[in-house]
C-alpha atoms as a PDB file:
ATOM      1  CA  MET A   1      17.216 -14.098   0.353  1.00  0.00           C
ATOM      2  CA  VAL A   2      17.243 -12.732   3.880  1.00  0.00           C
ATOM      3  CA  LEU A   3      15.508 -14.557   6.664  1.00  0.00           C
ATOM      4  CA  GLY A   4      14.938 -12.839   9.980  1.00  0.00           C
ATOM      5  CA  ALA A   5      13.399 -13.857  13.266  1.00  0.00           C
ATOM      6  CA  VAL A   6      11.705 -11.155  15.282  1.00  0.00           C
ATOM      7  CA  LEU A   7      10.302 -11.096  18.783  1.00  0.00           C
ATOM      8  CA  GLY A   8       7.170  -9.513  20.152  1.00  0.00           C
ATOM      9  CA  ASP A   9       7.350  -7.606  23.419  1.00  0.00           C
ATOM     10  CA  ASN A  10       5.394  -8.063  26.602  1.00  0.00           C
ATOM     11  CA  ASN A  11       2.520  -6.023  25.231  1.00  0.00           C
ATOM     12  CA  GLY A  12       2.425  -7.781  21.910  1.00  0.00           C
ATOM     13  CA  TYR A  13      -0.133  -9.926  20.163  1.00  0.00           C
ATOM     14  CA  VAL A  14       0.396 -13.250  18.494  1.00  0.00           C
ATOM     15  CA  ALA A  15      -1.680 -14.338  15.529  1.00  0.00           C
ATOM     16  CA  GLY A  16      -1.817 -16.974  12.896  1.00  0.00           C
ATOM     17  CA  THR A  17       1.087 -19.394  13.251  1.00  0.00           C
ATOM     18  CA  ALA A  18       0.895 -20.682  16.802  1.00  0.00           C
ATOM     19  CA  ASP A  19       1.355 -24.456  16.677  1.00  0.00           C
ATOM     20  CA  THR A  20      -1.436 -26.917  17.366  1.00  0.00           C
ATOM     21  CA  ARG A  21       0.403 -28.735  20.153  1.00  0.00           C
ATOM     22  CA  ARG A  22       0.807 -25.597  22.210  1.00  0.00           C
ATOM     23  CA  LEU A  23      -2.802 -24.626  21.678  1.00  0.00           C
ATOM     24  CA  ALA A  24      -4.082 -28.049  22.545  1.00  0.00           C
ATOM     25  CA  GLN A  25      -2.278 -27.894  25.879  1.00  0.00           C
ATOM     26  CA  ASN A  26      -3.714 -24.503  26.673  1.00  0.00           C
ATOM     27  CA  GLY A  27      -7.157 -24.831  25.145  1.00  0.00           C
ATOM     28  CA  GLY A  28      -6.597 -22.284  22.408  1.00  0.00           C
ATOM     29  CA  PRO A  29      -9.276 -21.567  19.776  1.00  0.00           C
ATOM     30  CA  ASP A  30      -9.357 -23.456  16.495  1.00  0.00           C
ATOM     31  CA  TYR A  31      -8.697 -20.458  14.314  1.00  0.00           C
ATOM     32  CA  TYR A  32      -5.089 -20.204  15.489  1.00  0.00           C
ATOM     33  CA  ASP A  33      -4.304 -23.288  13.395  1.00  0.00           C
ATOM     34  CA  ALA A  34      -4.803 -21.602  10.014  1.00  0.00           C
ATOM     35  CA  PRO A  35      -1.498 -21.377   8.084  1.00  0.00           C
ATOM     36  CA  GLN A  36      -0.619 -17.722   7.860  1.00  0.00           C
ATOM     37  CA  THR A  37       2.462 -15.570   7.505  1.00  0.00           C
ATOM     38  CA  ILE A  38       3.077 -13.097  10.288  1.00  0.00           C
ATOM     39  CA  SER A  39       5.437 -10.276  10.993  1.00  0.00           C
ATOM     40  CA  TYR A  40       6.243  -8.104  13.966  1.00  0.00           C
ATOM     41  CA  ASP A  41       5.933  -4.450  13.043  1.00  0.00           C
ATOM     42  CA  GLY A  42       7.576  -2.965  16.122  1.00  0.00           C
ATOM     43  CA  THR A  43       4.390  -1.477  17.543  1.00  0.00           C
ATOM     44  CA  SER A  44       3.417  -4.302  19.871  1.00  0.00           C
ATOM     45  CA  ASN A  45       1.201  -6.019  17.318  1.00  0.00           C
ATOM     46  CA  MET A  46       1.653  -9.242  15.417  1.00  0.00           C
ATOM     47  CA  ASN A  47      -0.361  -9.160  12.201  1.00  0.00           C
ATOM     48  CA  MET A  48      -1.309 -11.839   9.766  1.00  0.00           C
ATOM     49  CA  MET A  49      -2.163 -12.372   6.146  1.00  0.00           C
ATOM     50  CA  GLY A  50      -1.589 -15.542   4.160  1.00  0.00           C
ATOM     51  CA  GLY A  51       1.505 -15.064   2.024  1.00  0.00           C
ATOM     52  CA  VAL A  52       1.531 -11.266   2.285  1.00  0.00           C
ATOM     53  CA  MET A  53       3.173  -9.108   4.921  1.00  0.00           C
ATOM     54  CA  PRO A  54       0.912  -6.218   6.003  1.00  0.00           C
ATOM     55  CA  ASN A  55       1.779  -2.575   5.574  1.00  0.00           C
ATOM     56  CA  ASP A  56       2.390  -0.991   8.975  1.00  0.00           C
ATOM     57  CA  PHE A  57       0.245   2.045   8.151  1.00  0.00           C
ATOM     58  CA  PHE A  58      -3.084   0.290   7.747  1.00  0.00           C
ATOM     59  CA  GLU A  59      -2.750  -3.120   9.343  1.00  0.00           C
ATOM     60  CA  GLN A  60      -5.348  -2.159  11.959  1.00  0.00           C
ATOM     61  CA  GLU A  61      -8.124  -2.284   9.336  1.00  0.00           C
ATOM     62  CA  ALA A  62      -6.926  -4.750   6.750  1.00  0.00           C
ATOM     63  CA  TYR A  63      -5.992  -7.839   8.727  1.00  0.00           C
ATOM     64  CA  ASN A  64      -7.415  -9.906  11.517  1.00  0.00           C
ATOM     65  CA  LYS A  65      -5.634  -9.829  14.845  1.00  0.00           C
ATOM     66  CA  PHE A  66      -6.699 -10.923  18.271  1.00  0.00           C
ATOM     67  CA  PRO A  67      -5.196 -10.892  21.780  1.00  0.00           C
ATOM     68  CA  PHE A  68      -3.210 -13.794  23.128  1.00  0.00           C
ATOM     69  CA  TYR A  69      -2.589 -14.061  26.873  1.00  0.00           C
ATOM     70  CA  LEU A  70      -0.850 -17.412  27.484  1.00  0.00           C
ATOM     71  CA  TRP A  71       2.570 -17.907  29.057  1.00  0.00           C
ATOM     72  CA  ASP A  72       4.459 -17.488  25.776  1.00  0.00           C
ATOM     73  CA  LYS A  73       2.836 -14.161  24.900  1.00  0.00           C
ATOM     74  CA  GLY A  74       5.467 -12.055  23.154  1.00  0.00           C
ATOM     75  CA  LYS A  75       7.800 -15.007  22.594  1.00  0.00           C
ATOM     76  CA  SER A  76       6.633 -16.217  19.169  1.00  0.00           C
ATOM     77  CA  THR A  77       8.908 -15.654  16.178  1.00  0.00           C
ATOM     78  CA  SER A  78       8.468 -15.768  12.435  1.00  0.00           C
ATOM     79  CA  CYS A  79      10.401 -15.170   9.247  1.00  0.00           C
ATOM     80  CA  VAL A  80      10.160 -11.786   7.576  1.00  0.00           C
ATOM     81  CA  CYS A  81      10.379 -12.666   3.902  1.00  0.00           C
ATOM     82  CA  ASP A  82      11.949 -10.727   1.082  1.00  0.00           C
ATOM     83  CA  PRO A  83       9.589  -9.298  -1.557  1.00  0.00           C
ATOM     84  CA  GLU A  84       8.059 -11.953  -3.829  1.00  0.00           C
ATOM     85  CA  TRP A  85       8.762 -14.723  -1.309  1.00  0.00           C
ATOM     86  CA  GLY A  86       6.351 -16.255   1.194  1.00  0.00           C
ATOM     87  CA  ASP A  87       5.432 -19.190   3.420  1.00  0.00           C
ATOM     88  CA  TYR A  88       6.812 -19.985   6.868  1.00  0.00           C
ATOM     89  CA  ASP A  89      10.410 -20.394   5.745  1.00  0.00           C
ATOM     90  CA  CYS A  90      10.254 -17.928   2.815  1.00  0.00           C
ATOM     91  CA  SER A  91      10.880 -20.808   0.414  1.00  0.00           C
ATOM     92  CA  LYS A  92       7.989 -20.208  -1.998  1.00  0.00           C
ATOM     93  CA  ARG A  93       7.748 -17.627  -4.747  1.00  0.00           C
ATOM     94  CA  MET A  94       4.571 -15.572  -4.635  1.00  0.00           C
ATOM     95  CA  CYS A  95       2.295 -15.318  -7.662  1.00  0.00           C
ATOM     96  CA  PRO A  96       0.396 -12.238  -8.906  1.00  0.00           C
ATOM     97  CA  TYR A  97      -2.946 -11.376  -7.360  1.00  0.00           C
ATOM     98  CA  GLY A  98      -6.023 -10.440  -9.347  1.00  0.00           C
ATOM     99  CA  THR A  99      -9.795 -10.457  -9.329  1.00  0.00           C
ATOM    100  CA  ASP A 100     -11.841 -13.571 -10.022  1.00  0.00           C
ATOM    101  CA  VAL A 101     -13.452 -12.637 -13.335  1.00  0.00           C
ATOM    102  CA  MET A 102     -16.308 -15.084 -12.787  1.00  0.00           C
ATOM    103  CA  ASP A 103     -17.226 -13.612  -9.402  1.00  0.00           C
ATOM    104  CA  HIS A 104     -19.903 -10.980 -10.050  1.00  0.00           C
ATOM    105  CA  ARG A 105     -21.383  -8.450  -7.644  1.00  0.00           C
ATOM    106  CA  ASN A 106     -24.996  -8.861  -6.576  1.00  0.00           C
ATOM    107  CA  ASN A 107     -26.327  -5.706  -8.231  1.00  0.00           C
ATOM    108  CA  MET A 108     -25.031  -5.693 -11.804  1.00  0.00           C
ATOM    109  CA  ALA A 109     -27.138  -2.616 -12.620  1.00  0.00           C
ATOM    110  CA  ARG A 110     -24.892  -0.465 -10.434  1.00  0.00           C
ATOM    111  CA  ALA A 111     -21.592   0.726 -11.845  1.00  0.00           C
ATOM    112  CA  ALA A 112     -18.571  -1.155 -10.549  1.00  0.00           C
ATOM    113  CA  ARG A 113     -16.747   0.497  -7.671  1.00  0.00           C
ATOM    114  CA  TYR A 114     -12.973   0.759  -7.478  1.00  0.00           C
ATOM    115  CA  GLN A 115     -10.905   1.277  -4.386  1.00  0.00           C
ATOM    116  CA  VAL A 116     -10.438   4.954  -3.580  1.00  0.00           C
ATOM    117  CA  GLN A 117      -7.709   6.155  -1.236  1.00  0.00           C
ATOM    118  CA  SER A 118      -7.715   9.654   0.187  1.00  0.00           C
ATOM    119  CA  ILE A 119      -4.575  11.666   0.979  1.00  0.00           C
ATOM    120  CA  GLU A 120      -4.766  14.902   2.945  1.00  0.00           C
ATOM    121  CA  LEU A 121      -1.756  17.165   3.499  1.00  0.00           C
ATOM    122  CA  PHE A 122      -1.942  20.154   5.852  1.00  0.00           C
ATOM    123  CA  ALA A 123       1.043  22.379   5.077  1.00  0.00           C
ATOM    124  CA  ASN A 124       2.563  25.085   7.240  1.00  0.00           C
ATOM    125  CA  ASP A 125       2.725  27.493   4.343  1.00  0.00           C
ATOM    126  CA  LYS A 126       1.112  28.501   1.087  1.00  0.00           C
ATOM    127  CA  TYR A 127       3.085  27.291  -1.909  1.00  0.00           C
ATOM    128  CA  THR A 128       2.530  28.888  -5.284  1.00  0.00           C
ATOM    129  CA  ILE A 129       4.373  29.285  -8.576  1.00  0.00           C
ATOM    130  CA  HIS A 130       6.678  32.271  -8.434  1.00  0.00           C
ATOM    131  CA  ALA A 131       5.770  34.748 -11.179  1.00  0.00           C
ATOM    132  CA  SER A 132       9.353  35.165 -12.378  1.00  0.00           C
ATOM    133  CA  ASN A 133      10.455  31.548 -12.165  1.00  0.00           C
ATOM    134  CA  ASN A 134       8.227  28.591 -12.956  1.00  0.00           C
ATOM    135  CA  ASP A 135      10.670  26.290 -11.177  1.00  0.00           C
ATOM    136  CA  GLN A 136      10.435  28.279  -7.947  1.00  0.00           C
ATOM    137  CA  TYR A 137       7.718  27.835  -5.360  1.00  0.00           C
ATOM    138  CA  THR A 138       7.398  30.404  -2.642  1.00  0.00           C
ATOM    139  CA  ASN A 139       5.499  31.179   0.505  1.00  0.00           C
ATOM    140  CA  ALA A 140       3.237  33.977  -0.718  1.00  0.00           C
ATOM    141  CA  GLY A 141       2.653  35.277   2.789  1.00  0.00           C
ATOM    142  CA  THR A 142       6.259  36.250   3.568  1.00  0.00           C
ATOM    143  CA  ALA A 143       8.634  36.925   0.713  1.00  0.00           C
ATOM    144  CA  ALA A 144      11.600  36.546   3.044  1.00  0.00           C
ATOM    145  CA  SER A 145      10.446  33.130   4.252  1.00  0.00           C
ATOM    146  CA  SER A 146      12.909  30.256   4.236  1.00  0.00           C
ATOM    147  CA  ASN A 147      10.302  28.328   2.264  1.00  0.00           C
ATOM    148  CA  THR A 148      11.086  30.091  -1.010  1.00  0.00           C
ATOM    149  CA  GLN A 149      12.216  26.838  -2.580  1.00  0.00           C
ATOM    150  CA  LEU A 150      10.796  23.704  -4.140  1.00  0.00           C
ATOM    151  CA  ARG A 151       8.898  21.655  -1.569  1.00  0.00           C
ATOM    152  CA  THR A 152       8.929  18.082  -2.804  1.00  0.00           C
ATOM    153  CA  PHE A 153       7.589  14.801  -1.492  1.00  0.00           C
ATOM    154  CA  ALA A 154       7.125  11.280  -2.843  1.00  0.00           C
ATOM    155  CA  LEU A 155       4.550   8.505  -2.641  1.00  0.00           C
ATOM    156  CA  THR A 156       5.369   4.876  -1.874  1.00  0.00           C
ATOM    157  CA  PHE A 157       3.208   2.022  -3.129  1.00  0.00           C
ATOM    158  CA  LYS A 158       3.423  -1.541  -1.820  1.00  0.00           C
ATOM    159  CA  SER A 159       2.271  -4.344  -4.108  1.00  0.00           C
ATOM    160  CA  LYS A 160       0.593  -7.590  -3.098  1.00  0.00           C
ATOM    161  CA  LEU A 161       3.976  -9.261  -3.629  1.00  0.00           C
ATOM    162  CA  ASN A 162       5.446  -7.057  -0.870  1.00  0.00           C
ATOM    163  CA  GLU A 163       7.449  -4.970  -3.326  1.00  0.00           C
ATOM    164  CA  THR A 164       7.727  -1.273  -2.498  1.00  0.00           C
ATOM    165  CA  PHE A 165       8.009   1.379  -5.194  1.00  0.00           C
ATOM    166  CA  THR A 166       8.630   5.079  -4.580  1.00  0.00           C
ATOM    167  CA  THR A 167       7.769   7.778  -7.080  1.00  0.00           C
ATOM    168  CA  ILE A 168      10.005  10.507  -8.396  1.00  0.00           C
ATOM    169  CA  PRO A 169       9.846  13.794  -6.408  1.00  0.00           C
ATOM    170  CA  ILE A 170       6.518  15.610  -6.664  1.00  0.00           C
ATOM    171  CA  VAL A 171       6.319  19.357  -6.122  1.00  0.00           C
ATOM    172  CA  LEU A 172       3.567  20.388  -3.715  1.00  0.00           C
ATOM    173  CA  VAL A 173       1.235  23.202  -4.831  1.00  0.00           C
ATOM    174  CA  THR A 174      -1.415  24.497  -2.429  1.00  0.00           C
ATOM    175  CA  GLU A 175      -2.656  27.502  -4.414  1.00  0.00           C
ATOM    176  CA  HIS A 176      -5.329  27.255  -7.112  1.00  0.00           C
ATOM    177  CA  THR A 177      -2.862  28.455  -9.730  1.00  0.00           C
ATOM    178  CA  GLY A 178      -1.058  25.407 -11.052  1.00  0.00           C
ATOM    179  CA  PHE A 179      -3.036  22.974  -8.903  1.00  0.00           C
ATOM    180  CA  HIS A 180      -4.409  21.091 -11.926  1.00  0.00           C
ATOM    181  CA  ASN A 181      -0.865  20.437 -13.116  1.00  0.00           C
ATOM    182  CA  PHE A 182       0.037  19.247  -9.626  1.00  0.00           C
ATOM    183  CA  VAL A 183      -2.788  16.678  -9.674  1.00  0.00           C
ATOM    184  CA  GLN A 184      -1.649  15.472 -13.099  1.00  0.00           C
ATOM    185  CA  SER A 185       1.933  15.151 -11.839  1.00  0.00           C
ATOM    186  CA  VAL A 186       0.755  12.840  -9.042  1.00  0.00           C
ATOM    187  CA  LYS A 187      -1.036  10.616 -11.568  1.00  0.00           C
ATOM    188  CA  ASP A 188       1.966  10.551 -13.912  1.00  0.00           C
ATOM    189  CA  ALA A 189       4.364   9.717 -11.074  1.00  0.00           C
ATOM    190  CA  LEU A 190       2.273   6.759  -9.889  1.00  0.00           C
ATOM    191  CA  GLU A 191       1.727   5.326 -13.368  1.00  0.00           C
ATOM    192  CA  ALA A 192       5.457   5.658 -14.098  1.00  0.00           C
ATOM    193  CA  LEU A 193       6.419   3.230 -11.335  1.00  0.00           C
ATOM    194  CA  PRO A 194       8.439   0.227 -12.612  1.00  0.00           C
ATOM    195  CA  ASN A 195       6.895  -2.957 -13.991  1.00  0.00           C
ATOM    196  CA  ARG A 196       3.554  -1.168 -14.486  1.00  0.00           C
ATOM    197  CA  VAL A 197       2.806  -2.052 -10.897  1.00  0.00           C
ATOM    198  CA  ILE A 198       0.097   0.643 -11.098  1.00  0.00           C
ATOM    199  CA  ASP A 199      -1.091   0.414 -14.672  1.00  0.00           C
ATOM    200  CA  LYS A 200      -3.931   2.915 -14.240  1.00  0.00           C
ATOM    201  CA  VAL A 201      -4.987   5.297 -11.498  1.00  0.00           C
ATOM    202  CA  ASP A 202      -7.321   8.273 -11.614  1.00  0.00           C
ATOM    203  CA  VAL A 203      -6.343  11.219  -9.428  1.00  0.00           C
ATOM    204  CA  ALA A 204      -8.680  14.023  -8.378  1.00  0.00           C
ATOM    205  CA  GLY A 205      -7.993  16.743  -5.872  1.00  0.00           C
ATOM    206  CA  ASP A 206      -8.903  20.062  -4.348  1.00  0.00           C
ATOM    207  CA  THR A 207      -7.236  22.719  -2.244  1.00  0.00           C
ATOM    208  CA  ASN A 208      -8.366  25.558  -0.019  1.00  0.00           C
ATOM    209  CA  GLY A 209      -5.881  27.731  -1.853  1.00  0.00           C
ATOM    210  CA  VAL A 210      -3.766  28.250   1.243  1.00  0.00           C
ATOM    211  CA  ASP A 211      -2.393  25.246   3.075  1.00  0.00           C
ATOM    212  CA  LEU A 212      -4.698  22.206   2.751  1.00  0.00           C
ATOM    213  CA  VAL A 213      -4.483  19.698  -0.114  1.00  0.00           C
ATOM    214  CA  HIS A 214      -6.798  16.756  -0.624  1.00  0.00           C
ATOM    215  CA  LEU A 215      -6.260  13.986  -3.195  1.00  0.00           C
ATOM    216  CA  ASN A 216      -8.389  10.992  -4.147  1.00  0.00           C
ATOM    217  CA  LEU A 217      -6.629   8.060  -5.838  1.00  0.00           C
ATOM    218  CA  THR A 218      -8.931   5.634  -7.679  1.00  0.00           C
ATOM    219  CA  PHE A 219      -7.218   2.382  -8.672  1.00  0.00           C
ATOM    220  CA  THR A 220      -8.813   1.300 -11.952  1.00  0.00           C
ATOM    221  CA  GLY A 221      -6.058  -0.752 -13.605  1.00  0.00           C
ATOM    222  CA  ASP A 222      -5.970  -4.513 -14.115  1.00  0.00           C
ATOM    223  CA  HIS A 223      -2.847  -4.785 -11.947  1.00  0.00           C
ATOM    224  CA  VAL A 224      -4.442  -3.049  -8.961  1.00  0.00           C
ATOM    225  CA  GLN A 225      -7.845  -4.684  -8.785  1.00  0.00           C
ATOM    226  CA  GLY A 226      -9.417  -5.213  -5.408  1.00  0.00           C
ATOM    227  CA  PRO A 227      -8.095  -3.975  -2.058  1.00  0.00           C
ATOM    228  CA  GLN A 228      -4.592  -2.547  -2.134  1.00  0.00           C
ATOM    229  CA  TYR A 229      -2.179  -1.461   0.553  1.00  0.00           C
ATOM    230  CA  LEU A 230      -2.539   2.178   1.468  1.00  0.00           C
ATOM    231  CA  ILE A 231      -0.206   4.608  -0.224  1.00  0.00           C
ATOM    232  CA  THR A 232       2.358   6.133   2.121  1.00  0.00           C
ATOM    233  CA  VAL A 233       3.714   9.670   1.919  1.00  0.00           C
ATOM    234  CA  LYS A 234       7.437  10.384   2.151  1.00  0.00           C
ATOM    235  CA  ALA A 235       7.255  13.913   3.505  1.00  0.00           C
ATOM    236  CA  ASN A 236      10.629  14.126   5.246  1.00  0.00           C
ATOM    237  CA  GLY A 237      13.633  15.650   3.570  1.00  0.00           C
ATOM    238  CA  CYS A 238      16.032  13.310   1.764  1.00  0.00           C
ATOM    239  CA  GLY A 239      19.324  15.036   1.007  1.00  0.00           C
ATOM    240  CA  ASP A 240      22.581  14.283  -0.762  1.00  0.00           C
ATOM    241  CA  GLY A 241      23.168  10.589  -1.308  1.00  0.00           C
ATOM    242  CA  CYS A 242      19.488   9.799  -0.699  1.00  0.00           C
ATOM    243  CA  THR A 243      16.973   8.531  -3.250  1.00  0.00           C
ATOM    244  CA  PRO A 244      14.703  10.125  -4.204  1.00  0.00           C
ATOM    245  CA  LEU A 245      16.170  13.546  -3.475  1.00  0.00           C
ATOM    246  CA  LEU A 246      13.477  15.415  -1.520  1.00  0.00           C
ATOM    247  CA  SER A 247      13.391  18.823   0.088  1.00  0.00           C
ATOM    248  CA  GLY A 248      10.511  17.577   2.237  1.00  0.00           C
ATOM    249  CA  LEU A 249       7.270  19.185   3.371  1.00  0.00           C
ATOM    250  CA  GLU A 250       6.652  21.398   6.346  1.00  0.00           C
ATOM    251  CA  LEU A 251       3.387  19.903   7.547  1.00  0.00           C
ATOM    252  CA  ARG A 252       1.398  21.476  10.336  1.00  0.00           C
ATOM    253  CA  ASN A 253       1.756  19.201  13.378  1.00  0.00           C
ATOM    254  CA  GLN A 254       3.178  16.588  10.986  1.00  0.00           C
ATOM    255  CA  TRP A 255      -0.378  16.200   9.688  1.00  0.00           C
ATOM    256  CA  GLU A 256      -0.952  13.789   6.851  1.00  0.00           C
ATOM    257  CA  THR A 257      -4.026  11.564   6.579  1.00  0.00           C
ATOM    258  CA  ILE A 258      -4.362   8.511   4.357  1.00  0.00           C
ATOM    259  CA  LEU A 259      -7.635   6.596   4.328  1.00  0.00           C
ATOM    260  CA  GLU A 260      -9.616   4.174   2.202  1.00  0.00           C
ATOM    261  CA  VAL A 261     -12.785   6.102   1.462  1.00  0.00           C
ATOM    262  CA  GLN A 262     -14.343   3.561  -0.903  1.00  0.00           C
ATOM    263  CA  ASN A 263     -13.787  -0.160  -1.037  1.00  0.00           C
ATOM    264  CA  SER A 264     -13.708  -2.126  -4.257  1.00  0.00           C
ATOM    265  CA  ASP A 265     -16.283  -4.410  -5.818  1.00  0.00           C
ATOM    266  CA  PHE A 266     -13.365  -6.436  -7.146  1.00  0.00           C
ATOM    267  CA  ASN A 267     -11.539  -9.040  -5.129  1.00  0.00           C
ATOM    268  CA  SER A 268      -7.892 -10.024  -5.008  1.00  0.00           C
ATOM    269  CA  TYR A 269      -6.862 -13.678  -5.107  1.00  0.00           C
ATOM    270  CA  GLU A 270      -3.683 -15.519  -5.937  1.00  0.00           C
ATOM    271  CA  CYS A 271      -3.822 -16.197  -9.687  1.00  0.00           C
ATOM    272  CA  GLY A 272      -7.323 -14.707  -9.671  1.00  0.00           C
ATOM    273  CA  ARG A 273      -8.627 -18.026  -8.305  1.00  0.00           C
ATOM    274  CA  ARG A 274      -8.572 -19.177 -11.960  1.00  0.00           C
ATOM    275  CA  GLY A 275      -5.169 -20.813 -11.981  1.00  0.00           C
ATOM    276  CA  LYS A 276      -2.534 -22.530  -9.860  1.00  0.00           C
ATOM    277  CA  CYS A 277       0.605 -20.869  -8.604  1.00  0.00           C
ATOM    278  CA  ASP A 278       3.934 -22.479  -9.408  1.00  0.00           C
ATOM    279  CA  TYR A 279       5.763 -21.730  -6.163  1.00  0.00           C
ATOM    280  CA  ASP A 280       9.125 -22.456  -7.755  1.00  0.00           C
ATOM    281  CA  THR A 281       8.815 -19.793 -10.443  1.00  0.00           C
ATOM    282  CA  GLY A 282       6.095 -17.459  -9.131  1.00  0.00           C
ATOM    283  CA  VAL A 283       4.141 -17.841 -12.390  1.00  0.00           C
ATOM    284  CA  CYS A 284       0.429 -18.657 -12.593  1.00  0.00           C
ATOM    285  CA  ALA A 285      -0.614 -21.697 -14.610  1.00  0.00           C
ATOM    286  CA  CYS A 286      -4.068 -20.577 -15.720  1.00  0.00           C
ATOM    287  CA  PHE A 287      -6.961 -22.966 -16.123  1.00  0.00           C
ATOM    288  CA  GLU A 288      -8.303 -23.534 -19.615  1.00  0.00           C
ATOM    289  CA  GLY A 289     -10.185 -20.489 -20.865  1.00  0.00           C
ATOM    290  CA  TYR A 290      -8.236 -17.959 -18.782  1.00  0.00           C
ATOM    291  CA  THR A 291      -5.037 -16.045 -19.372  1.00  0.00           C
ATOM    292  CA  GLY A 292      -3.053 -13.092 -18.036  1.00  0.00           C
ATOM    293  CA  LEU A 293      -0.468 -12.644 -15.312  1.00  0.00           C
ATOM    294  CA  SER A 294      -3.086 -13.344 -12.658  1.00  0.00           C
ATOM    295  CA  CYS A 295      -5.480 -15.342 -14.880  1.00  0.00           C
ATOM    296  CA  ASN A 296      -8.014 -12.511 -14.814  1.00  0.00           C
ATOM    297  CA  THR A 297      -8.739 -12.468 -18.552  1.00  0.00           C
ATOM    298  CA  VAL A 298     -11.345 -14.759 -20.121  1.00  0.00           C
ATOM    299  CA  THR A 299     -10.298 -16.219 -23.475  1.00  0.00           C
ATOM    300  CA  ALA A 300     -13.308 -18.486 -24.049  1.00  0.00           C
ATOM    301  CA  LEU A 301     -16.814 -18.949 -22.722  1.00  0.00           C
ATOM    302  CA  VAL A 302     -17.751 -22.597 -22.486  1.00  0.00           C
END
């Protein structure tokens, strides 16, 4: 297990783990006392979430942060824990997160909503299946273009236990021909990630047929209930000795957009709020009547 201490800079923010004594001397607000785990992401922001380290890409929306202007601004440190480990000193195993199955939405007549993430890629060129070689993708505009090769990228998913999983290479297709197979390949790549970390995801997409691709990822599986970290796109090339091997994408102005376009009716709690976490083993001990990795399955109604 690797423990690391990191420092904020002079423009940084401190959140979550400031000690009570320091705050009492300086008249700090009460909400600084809540036990949280924080990390410094290198962009002058300290972010917090109990037991889970935030993903750099979307921390601005997913976690609370607030300015701190006292004398020790930028001087607070914290441990950056390995995946599956949490707490201040990274001494506790983290347990699976899941929805509370007894927590129902207000309007049960409306269909349940799942989190939907949107990915938009704006390519420099038009990639289509070459007529003489199904394994070759070419820029249809200029036959002599240097882009007459496979243009591959990958997607990285971060679990609530801070594990990161990267898909196999995915070939980008921007033309209508073959686009359906491209969408299916994205779905297959995500559901093939180890440990069934994404057990089910629905993928829909559209293209302008030239250079713009839009994908919607709907997380419908039991292992990805509630809010999830945003998917990240590995669009840069990754050559010999690199995993996964990627030719990379030529994106216009490095343009890729990843957003949450629909939040989820489901929540995400440690052990589904229907069990207790054994911090020595990282296994949920479910209350009577509940079972599953995160205690999100009802076995009996009492």
